[in-house]
Amino acid sequence: MNKPFVSVFVMVLVLFAAVMPTTAFAKEDGLTLVVEHENNKDGHTVVKAEVKGGQVEKGTYTFSGVVDEVKNDSGEAIFKTVDKSGDITVTFQGTVDGEEVELTGNTAVEANDDTENNQQDENKSDADEKNDEQTPAEEENNVDEKQENKEEKQRTATLEADYYAYSFDGEHFVDMYGEILGGKKAKGKWNFTLDGKSTKDVISEGTFALAHFEVKKPGTHQAKVEFAGKVDGKDVRLVEEFTVVFHEADFELTFDGKRVGGKITNAKEAEGNWYIAVGGEADDDIVVVDHESGVRKGLSYNYELKGIKPGTYFAVVYFEGVVDGEEVGFFDMGEITIKKDGTGSLDPIDDVNPPKSTTPEHVNKEISKIKQGGKMPKTATDQPVFILIGALALLVGLVMLKFRRVRS
């Protein structure tokens, strides 16, 4: 394929920005499930979910993740106890504008382990509760103390790290990320090693960094992510170690002229979300298809393209879920051609390799352009992490790291 590498992966940037699931909302054909949370005056975590873009006729909201599962039709749940920090996932199943839909979104919450206090409250008698009534001044002091404890907890920096292992055109790669939690500003040195060897392909942006490795063989590898420097003015040294495992299953983009999708091979069963995006290569703003399947079972999925003019487009498909009992993220991309007679063809982009002399410099240049007011995709957020990930989509596979984040 005689296509410049940069133009190919700029289009991948736009397509993945269009389908990338976030911790705040999930989309399905114009519908959006917005998930938010806050702590009320008692320190309890309140999670609210709302379907936007359509009229909800009926449905059930299911809250799960780092909390015990709760189901209701109001879209709001209060959790007195959240044992550990992580994601609370909300799934809506119901009828919107006359159609059955399933939407999933999540929000990251902090632990507010109030188990002991809850147990004490349950064992109190009415007389005890009356004796425990506080004056307004005491209540104000308690609120201030809770706020101080919360702020102190937020000031404790921790390191989260994960990876995405994949094979591409007969070669094998590992992309890793590290993110400092509990800090707003970080200045120091990131170090990524795989099987004891470090890489120069590291790009960092404050509290977030990404690294790219090429390995000779798939299988199992030992990884380490380190940060040494200052976080919010405090000296820290953070280390996270983990095992990298290449999944035996394979994944590929499919296109029969009318339907675009993906297929998992060398596996027995799969359940998860499929994300499909199709766009033109000439204009970074053109995304003609932006589709999410919702959670479903099966080793393959495809989506019918309707109302698309004949021409050549870039297609990207991503699967996130569980394959043979293991949580994975797979993706593939290709160039599809839709002909006037209704037929089509697929040209994989496996044979495009980034010039080593231009990749890091071009990525940094893209980040600089974006910070100086460059054009961002319509679905992009204003969070620095997403800005960095969007620019790093120019490197094969690095964009996938956002999807493979550890779920507590």
Protein backbone atom coordinates (compact mmCIF):
# COMPACT_ATOMS: atom_id res chain seq x y z
CA MET A 1 0.00 0.00 0.00
CA ASN A 2 1.51 3.30 -1.06
CA LYS A 3 0.21 5.40 1.83
CA PRO A 4 2.40 7.64 4.01
CA PHE A 5 2.72 6.19 7.49
CA VAL A 6 1.87 9.43 9.25
CA SER A 7 -1.43 9.93 7.43
CA VAL A 8 -2.43 6.36 8.24
CA PHE A 9 -1.91 6.75 11.96
CA VAL A 10 -3.32 10.25 12.22
CA MET A 11 -6.54 8.66 10.99
CA VAL A 12 -6.19 5.94 13.63
CA LEU A 13 -5.92 8.74 16.20
CA VAL A 14 -9.29 10.15 15.14
CA LEU A 15 -11.01 6.80 14.88
CA PHE A 16 -9.93 5.62 18.33
CA ALA A 17 -10.79 8.99 19.87
CA ALA A 18 -14.28 8.40 18.49
CA VAL A 19 -14.75 4.94 20.01
CA MET A 20 -12.56 5.12 23.12
CA PRO A 21 -14.62 4.21 26.22
CA THR A 22 -14.02 6.52 29.18
CA THR A 23 -14.70 6.32 32.87
CA ALA A 24 -17.46 8.90 32.52
CA PHE A 25 -19.80 7.78 29.75
CA ALA A 26 -20.67 5.21 27.09
CA LYS A 27 -22.33 5.78 23.71
CA GLU A 28 -24.57 3.73 21.45
CA ASP A 29 -25.83 5.24 18.21
CA GLY A 30 -26.43 8.74 19.57
CA LEU A 31 -27.32 7.67 23.11
CA THR A 32 -25.01 8.48 26.01
CA LEU A 33 -24.93 6.99 29.50
CA VAL A 34 -23.38 9.64 31.73
CA VAL A 35 -22.06 8.28 35.05
CA GLU A 36 -20.98 10.63 37.84
CA HIS A 37 -20.34 10.37 41.56
CA GLU A 38 -19.96 12.59 44.61
CA ASN A 39 -19.60 12.24 48.37
CA ASN A 40 -22.50 13.51 50.45
CA LYS A 41 -22.20 15.24 53.82
CA ASP A 42 -22.03 11.84 55.57
CA GLY A 43 -19.04 10.77 53.49
CA HIS A 44 -21.08 8.22 51.56
CA THR A 45 -20.51 7.74 47.83
CA VAL A 46 -23.47 8.73 45.65
CA VAL A 47 -23.41 7.41 42.07
CA LYS A 48 -25.79 8.81 39.46
CA ALA A 49 -26.37 7.51 35.92
CA GLU A 50 -28.45 9.23 33.25
CA VAL A 51 -29.27 8.28 29.66
CA LYS A 52 -28.95 11.30 27.37
CA GLY A 53 -29.88 11.65 23.72
CA GLY A 54 -33.23 9.91 24.00
CA GLN A 55 -36.38 9.40 26.10
CA VAL A 56 -36.16 6.52 28.58
CA GLU A 57 -39.44 4.61 28.67
CA LYS A 58 -38.40 1.91 31.09
CA GLY A 59 -35.25 0.16 32.20
CA THR A 60 -32.99 -1.09 34.95
CA TYR A 61 -29.70 0.35 36.16
CA THR A 62 -27.19 -2.16 37.57
CA PHE A 63 -24.35 -0.85 39.77
CA SER A 64 -21.35 -3.15 40.24
CA GLY A 65 -17.55 -3.20 40.41
CA VAL A 66 -15.83 -2.39 43.70
CA VAL A 67 -19.22 -2.41 45.47
CA ASP A 68 -21.93 -4.99 46.04
CA GLU A 69 -24.30 -5.16 43.08
CA VAL A 70 -27.37 -2.90 43.26
CA LYS A 71 -30.26 -2.75 40.78
CA ASN A 72 -32.94 -0.07 40.50
CA ASP A 73 -34.90 2.00 38.00
CA SER A 74 -33.92 5.41 39.36
CA GLY A 75 -30.32 5.53 38.15
CA GLU A 76 -29.03 6.59 41.58
CA ALA A 77 -27.38 4.53 44.31
CA ILE A 78 -25.80 5.45 47.66
CA PHE A 79 -22.93 3.34 48.99
CA LYS A 80 -22.10 3.82 52.65
CA THR A 81 -19.02 1.62 52.28
CA VAL A 82 -16.58 1.39 49.37
CA ASP A 83 -13.87 -1.02 50.57
CA LYS A 84 -11.25 -0.15 47.95
CA SER A 85 -10.62 2.42 45.23
CA GLY A 86 -11.55 1.48 41.68
CA ASP A 87 -14.36 1.63 39.13
CA ILE A 88 -18.08 1.48 39.79
CA THR A 89 -19.67 0.23 36.58
CA VAL A 90 -23.26 1.10 35.67
CA THR A 91 -25.18 -0.87 33.04
CA PHE A 92 -28.53 0.33 31.73
CA GLN A 93 -30.87 -2.17 30.05
CA GLY A 94 -34.20 -0.96 28.84
CA THR A 95 -36.26 0.85 26.24
CA VAL A 96 -35.25 4.25 24.85
CA ASP A 97 -37.34 5.88 22.12
CA GLY A 98 -39.06 2.56 21.46
CA GLU A 99 -35.86 0.54 21.04
CA GLU A 100 -34.20 -1.97 23.36
CA VAL A 101 -30.68 -0.81 24.27
CA GLU A 102 -27.84 -1.66 26.60
CA LEU A 103 -25.40 1.02 27.72
CA THR A 104 -22.42 0.71 30.04
CA GLY A 105 -20.37 3.38 31.74
CA ASN A 106 -18.18 3.68 34.81
CA THR A 107 -16.68 6.15 37.21
CA ALA A 108 -13.53 5.87 39.33
CA VAL A 109 -14.17 6.24 43.08
CA GLU A 110 -12.03 6.29 46.20
CA ALA A 111 -12.42 3.95 49.15
CA ASN A 112 -14.56 5.23 52.01
CA ASP A 113 -14.48 2.18 54.27
CA ASP A 114 -17.06 2.98 56.93
CA THR A 115 -17.78 -0.64 57.90
CA GLU A 116 -16.96 -0.19 61.57
CA ASN A 117 -19.10 2.92 61.90
CA ASN A 118 -21.96 1.25 60.04
CA GLN A 119 -21.81 -1.76 62.40
CA GLN A 120 -21.83 0.55 65.41
CA ASP A 121 -24.82 2.43 63.99
CA GLU A 122 -26.77 -0.81 63.55
CA ASN A 123 -26.15 -1.83 67.19
CA LYS A 124 -27.22 1.50 68.69
CA SER A 125 -30.49 1.81 70.48
CA ASP A 126 -32.77 4.80 70.12
CA ALA A 127 -31.51 6.11 73.48
CA ASP A 128 -27.90 5.80 72.33
CA GLU A 129 -28.62 7.73 69.16
CA LYS A 130 -30.32 10.47 71.15
CA ASN A 131 -27.31 10.75 73.46
CA ASP A 132 -25.04 10.92 70.45
CA GLU A 133 -26.76 13.95 68.94
CA GLN A 134 -24.16 16.60 68.17
CA THR A 135 -24.23 20.33 68.42
CA PRO A 136 -23.82 22.35 65.20
CA ALA A 137 -20.25 23.20 66.26
CA GLU A 138 -19.38 19.50 66.73
CA GLU A 139 -20.91 18.60 63.39
CA GLU A 140 -18.84 21.34 61.69
CA ASN A 141 -15.66 20.03 63.33
CA ASN A 142 -16.43 16.50 62.09
CA VAL A 143 -16.93 17.77 58.55
CA ASP A 144 -13.61 19.60 58.67
CA GLU A 145 -11.86 16.46 60.00
CA LYS A 146 -13.30 14.30 57.21
CA GLN A 147 -12.20 16.83 54.62
CA GLU A 148 -8.68 16.92 56.07
CA ASN A 149 -8.48 13.10 56.02
CA LYS A 150 -9.68 13.01 52.44
CA GLU A 151 -7.14 15.61 51.33
CA GLU A 152 -4.34 13.78 53.15
CA LYS A 153 -5.31 10.53 51.41
CA GLN A 154 -5.29 12.26 48.04
CA ARG A 155 -1.77 13.55 48.73
CA THR A 156 -0.41 9.99 49.03
CA ALA A 157 1.04 9.21 45.60
CA THR A 158 0.77 5.67 44.23
CA LEU A 159 1.77 4.16 40.89
CA GLU A 160 -0.59 2.25 38.61
CA ALA A 161 0.82 0.36 35.63
CA ASP A 162 -0.41 -2.03 32.97
CA TYR A 163 0.44 -3.27 29.50
CA TYR A 164 -0.87 -4.29 26.09
CA ALA A 165 0.91 -7.21 24.35
CA TYR A 166 0.24 -7.83 20.66
CA SER A 167 1.63 -9.24 17.43
CA PHE A 168 1.65 -7.18 14.25
CA ASP A 169 2.80 -8.32 10.81
CA GLY A 170 4.81 -11.21 12.28
CA GLU A 171 6.49 -9.04 14.92
CA HIS A 172 5.72 -8.90 18.64
CA PHE A 173 5.33 -5.80 20.78
CA VAL A 174 4.64 -4.79 24.37
CA ASP A 175 3.36 -1.32 25.21
CA MET A 176 3.26 -0.27 28.85
CA TYR A 177 1.95 2.71 30.75
CA GLY A 178 2.51 4.16 34.19
CA GLU A 179 0.23 6.64 35.92
CA ILE A 180 0.78 8.41 39.24
CA LEU A 181 -2.40 8.54 41.30
CA GLY A 182 -2.93 10.91 44.19
CA GLY A 183 -0.82 13.72 42.72
CA LYS A 184 -1.42 16.64 40.39
CA LYS A 185 2.13 17.55 39.31
CA ALA A 186 5.08 15.24 38.78
CA LYS A 187 8.64 15.98 37.71
CA GLY A 188 11.26 13.28 37.53
CA LYS A 189 12.51 10.28 35.58
CA TRP A 190 10.43 7.38 34.28
CA ASN A 191 12.10 4.03 33.67
CA PHE A 192 10.43 1.08 31.91
CA THR A 193 12.14 -2.32 31.74
CA LEU A 194 11.13 -5.61 30.18
CA ASP A 195 13.12 -8.73 31.13
CA GLY A 196 15.69 -6.41 32.67
CA LYS A 197 16.19 -4.28 29.54
CA SER A 198 15.05 -0.66 29.31
CA THR A 199 13.79 1.21 26.25
CA LYS A 200 14.36 4.69 24.87
CA ASP A 201 10.87 4.74 23.35
CA VAL A 202 9.37 6.50 26.37
CA ILE A 203 7.15 9.56 26.21
CA SER A 204 5.89 11.18 29.41
CA GLU A 205 3.41 13.91 30.20
CA GLY A 206 3.42 14.88 33.88
CA THR A 207 1.88 12.07 35.89
CA PHE A 208 1.52 9.76 32.87
CA ALA A 209 4.06 7.92 30.70
CA LEU A 210 4.04 5.36 27.91
CA ALA A 211 6.75 2.99 26.64
CA HIS A 212 7.12 0.77 23.59
CA PHE A 213 9.06 -2.55 23.38
CA GLU A 214 9.70 -5.04 20.60
CA VAL A 215 10.29 -8.66 21.68
CA LYS A 216 11.65 -11.58 19.69
CA LYS A 217 9.13 -14.10 20.95
CA PRO A 218 5.67 -13.91 22.56
CA GLY A 219 5.04 -15.83 25.76
CA THR A 220 5.74 -14.56 29.30
CA HIS A 221 7.94 -11.57 30.24
CA GLN A 222 8.74 -9.68 33.44
CA ALA A 223 8.07 -5.93 33.47
CA LYS A 224 8.89 -3.06 35.81
CA VAL A 225 7.76 0.57 35.80
CA GLU A 226 9.61 3.10 37.98
CA PHE A 227 9.27 6.80 38.71
CA ALA A 228 11.80 8.79 40.78
CA GLY A 229 11.32 12.49 41.38
CA LYS A 230 8.88 14.92 42.95
CA VAL A 231 5.09 14.68 43.12
CA ASP A 232 3.42 17.87 44.28
CA GLY A 233 6.79 18.97 45.67
CA LYS A 234 7.47 15.77 47.65
CA ASP A 235 10.35 13.36 46.87
CA VAL A 236 9.03 9.94 45.89
CA ARG A 237 10.22 6.70 44.36
CA LEU A 238 7.42 4.53 42.99
CA VAL A 239 7.82 1.02 41.57
CA GLU A 240 5.32 -1.40 40.04
CA GLU A 241 6.25 -4.90 38.81
CA PHE A 242 4.08 -7.32 36.87
CA THR A 243 4.10 -10.23 34.42
CA VAL A 244 3.40 -9.69 30.73
CA VAL A 245 1.57 -12.54 29.00
CA PHE A 246 0.81 -12.79 25.29
CA HIS A 247 -2.65 -14.23 24.73
CA GLU A 248 -2.77 -17.22 22.38
CA ALA A 249 -5.90 -15.97 20.61
CA ASP A 250 -5.66 -14.06 17.33
CA PHE A 251 -7.78 -11.14 16.15
CA GLU A 252 -8.52 -9.65 12.74
CA LEU A 253 -10.64 -7.02 11.03
CA THR A 254 -13.32 -8.38 8.67
CA PHE A 255 -15.17 -6.74 5.76
CA ASP A 256 -17.42 -8.35 3.15
CA GLY A 257 -18.31 -5.23 1.18
CA LYS A 258 -21.30 -4.34 3.37
CA ARG A 259 -20.46 -5.26 6.94
CA VAL A 260 -17.32 -4.40 8.89
CA GLY A 261 -16.35 -6.15 12.11
CA GLY A 262 -13.85 -8.39 13.84
CA LYS A 263 -13.11 -12.06 14.47
CA ILE A 264 -11.31 -13.83 17.32
CA THR A 265 -9.60 -17.11 16.42
CA ASN A 266 -7.69 -19.74 18.42
CA ALA A 267 -10.16 -19.28 21.27
CA LYS A 268 -13.22 -21.12 22.59
CA GLU A 269 -15.41 -18.34 23.96
CA ALA A 270 -15.54 -14.58 24.36
CA GLU A 271 -17.76 -11.95 25.99
CA GLY A 272 -17.31 -8.21 25.82
CA ASN A 273 -17.73 -4.94 23.92
CA TRP A 274 -16.91 -4.40 20.25
CA TYR A 275 -16.02 -0.87 19.08
CA ILE A 276 -16.03 -0.04 15.36
CA ALA A 277 -15.05 3.20 13.64
CA VAL A 278 -14.80 4.05 9.95
CA GLY A 279 -13.44 7.31 8.58
CA GLY A 280 -11.87 8.99 5.59
CA GLU A 281 -8.11 9.55 5.41
CA ALA A 282 -8.12 13.01 3.84
CA ASP A 283 -9.88 14.98 6.61
CA ASP A 284 -9.07 14.33 10.26
CA ASP A 285 -12.59 15.34 11.30
CA ILE A 286 -14.46 12.81 9.15
CA VAL A 287 -15.76 9.84 11.14
CA VAL A 288 -18.60 8.26 9.19
CA VAL A 289 -19.23 5.33 11.58
CA ASP A 290 -18.89 5.35 15.37
CA HIS A 291 -20.43 2.17 16.81
CA GLU A 292 -20.38 0.28 20.10
CA SER A 293 -22.00 -3.17 20.33
CA GLY A 294 -22.64 -3.34 24.04
CA VAL A 295 -21.67 -6.45 26.03
CA ARG A 296 -22.34 -9.63 24.05
CA LYS A 297 -21.10 -13.21 23.73
CA GLY A 298 -19.40 -14.64 20.66
CA LEU A 299 -16.10 -14.84 18.83
CA SER A 300 -17.13 -12.46 16.06
CA TYR A 301 -19.20 -9.36 15.45
CA ASN A 302 -19.95 -7.14 12.48
CA TYR A 303 -21.88 -3.97 11.76
CA GLU A 304 -23.67 -3.12 8.54
CA LEU A 305 -22.54 0.07 6.83
CA LYS A 306 -25.50 2.10 5.62
CA GLY A 307 -25.62 5.31 3.61
CA ILE A 308 -21.89 5.46 2.97
CA LYS A 309 -20.78 6.70 -0.43
CA PRO A 310 -18.43 4.59 -2.59
CA GLY A 311 -14.80 5.33 -1.80
CA THR A 312 -11.82 4.35 0.32
CA TYR A 313 -11.93 4.52 4.11
CA PHE A 314 -9.93 3.49 7.14
CA ALA A 315 -11.62 1.03 9.50
CA VAL A 316 -10.68 0.20 13.08
CA VAL A 317 -12.21 -2.52 15.25
CA TYR A 318 -11.48 -3.09 18.94
CA PHE A 319 -12.67 -5.82 21.34
CA GLU A 320 -12.51 -5.41 25.11
CA GLY A 321 -13.68 -8.22 27.34
CA VAL A 322 -12.95 -11.75 28.51
CA VAL A 323 -11.59 -14.48 26.21
CA ASP A 324 -11.30 -18.01 27.63
CA GLY A 325 -11.45 -16.59 31.14
CA GLU A 326 -8.80 -13.89 30.66
CA GLU A 327 -9.42 -10.13 30.42
CA VAL A 328 -8.01 -8.89 27.11
CA GLY A 329 -8.08 -6.06 24.59
CA PHE A 330 -7.64 -6.74 20.86
CA PHE A 331 -7.60 -4.38 17.88
CA ASP A 332 -7.00 -4.39 14.15
CA MET A 333 -7.27 -1.84 11.35
CA GLY A 334 -7.38 -1.77 7.59
CA GLU A 335 -8.27 0.18 4.50
CA ILE A 336 -11.66 -0.71 3.04
CA THR A 337 -12.93 0.18 -0.42
CA ILE A 338 -16.64 0.41 -1.18
CA LYS A 339 -17.42 0.12 -4.89
CA LYS A 340 -20.37 1.52 -6.83
CA ASP A 341 -21.72 -1.98 -7.58
CA GLY A 342 -22.09 -2.68 -3.84
CA THR A 343 -19.03 -4.90 -3.53
CA GLY A 344 -15.92 -4.04 -1.58
CA SER A 345 -12.40 -5.03 -0.65
CA LEU A 346 -10.17 -4.98 2.42
CA ASP A 347 -6.52 -4.00 2.37
CA PRO A 348 -4.82 -4.69 5.74
CA ILE A 349 -2.38 -2.12 7.08
CA ASP A 350 -0.03 -4.78 8.46
CA ASP A 351 2.76 -3.87 6.05
CA VAL A 352 3.14 -0.25 7.15
CA ASN A 353 6.11 0.27 9.48
CA PRO A 354 6.90 3.59 11.19
CA PRO A 355 10.24 5.20 10.26
CA LYS A 356 12.33 4.98 13.45
CA SER A 357 13.85 8.40 12.83
CA THR A 358 10.52 10.20 12.76
CA THR A 359 8.22 8.44 15.22
CA PRO A 360 9.19 10.00 18.61
CA GLU A 361 9.83 13.45 17.18
CA HIS A 362 6.55 13.45 15.30
CA VAL A 363 4.62 12.39 18.40
CA ASN A 364 6.15 15.20 20.46
CA LYS A 365 5.38 17.63 17.66
CA GLU A 366 1.73 16.51 17.64
CA ILE A 367 1.49 16.99 21.41
CA SER A 368 2.96 20.49 21.06
CA LYS A 369 0.52 21.38 18.30
CA ILE A 370 -2.44 20.25 20.38
CA LYS A 371 -1.29 22.23 23.44
CA GLN A 372 -0.92 25.36 21.32
CA GLY A 373 -4.52 25.19 20.19
CA GLY A 374 -4.38 22.62 17.42
CA LYS A 375 -7.56 20.90 16.26
CA MET A 376 -8.70 17.99 18.42
CA PRO A 377 -11.23 15.29 17.44
CA LYS A 378 -14.82 16.12 18.32
CA THR A 379 -14.98 13.44 21.04
CA ALA A 380 -11.71 14.36 22.74
CA THR A 381 -11.65 15.44 26.37
CA ASP A 382 -9.63 18.17 28.02
CA GLN A 383 -7.75 15.74 30.25
CA PRO A 384 -3.95 15.67 29.65
CA VAL A 385 -3.95 11.86 29.73
CA PHE A 386 -6.29 11.71 26.75
CA ILE A 387 -4.31 14.38 24.91
CA LEU A 388 -1.19 12.26 25.28
CA ILE A 389 -2.93 9.05 24.28
CA GLY A 390 -4.42 10.72 21.23
CA ALA A 391 -1.00 11.85 20.02
CA LEU A 392 0.60 8.53 20.80
CA ALA A 393 -1.86 6.77 18.53
CA LEU A 394 0.77 7.45 15.87
CA LEU A 395 2.73 4.60 17.46
CA VAL A 396 1.24 1.18 16.74
CA GLY A 397 -0.50 -0.26 19.79
CA LEU A 398 0.15 2.51 22.33
CA VAL A 399 -3.41 3.76 22.02
CA MET A 400 -4.62 0.42 23.35
CA LEU A 401 -3.17 1.02 26.79
CA LYS A 402 -6.17 3.10 27.82
CA PHE A 403 -8.40 0.06 27.26
CA ARG A 404 -6.24 -2.39 29.20
CA ARG A 405 -6.16 -0.45 32.46
CA VAL A 406 -6.32 -2.48 35.63
CA ARG A 407 -9.86 -2.67 37.00
CA SER A 408 -9.77 -2.98 40.75
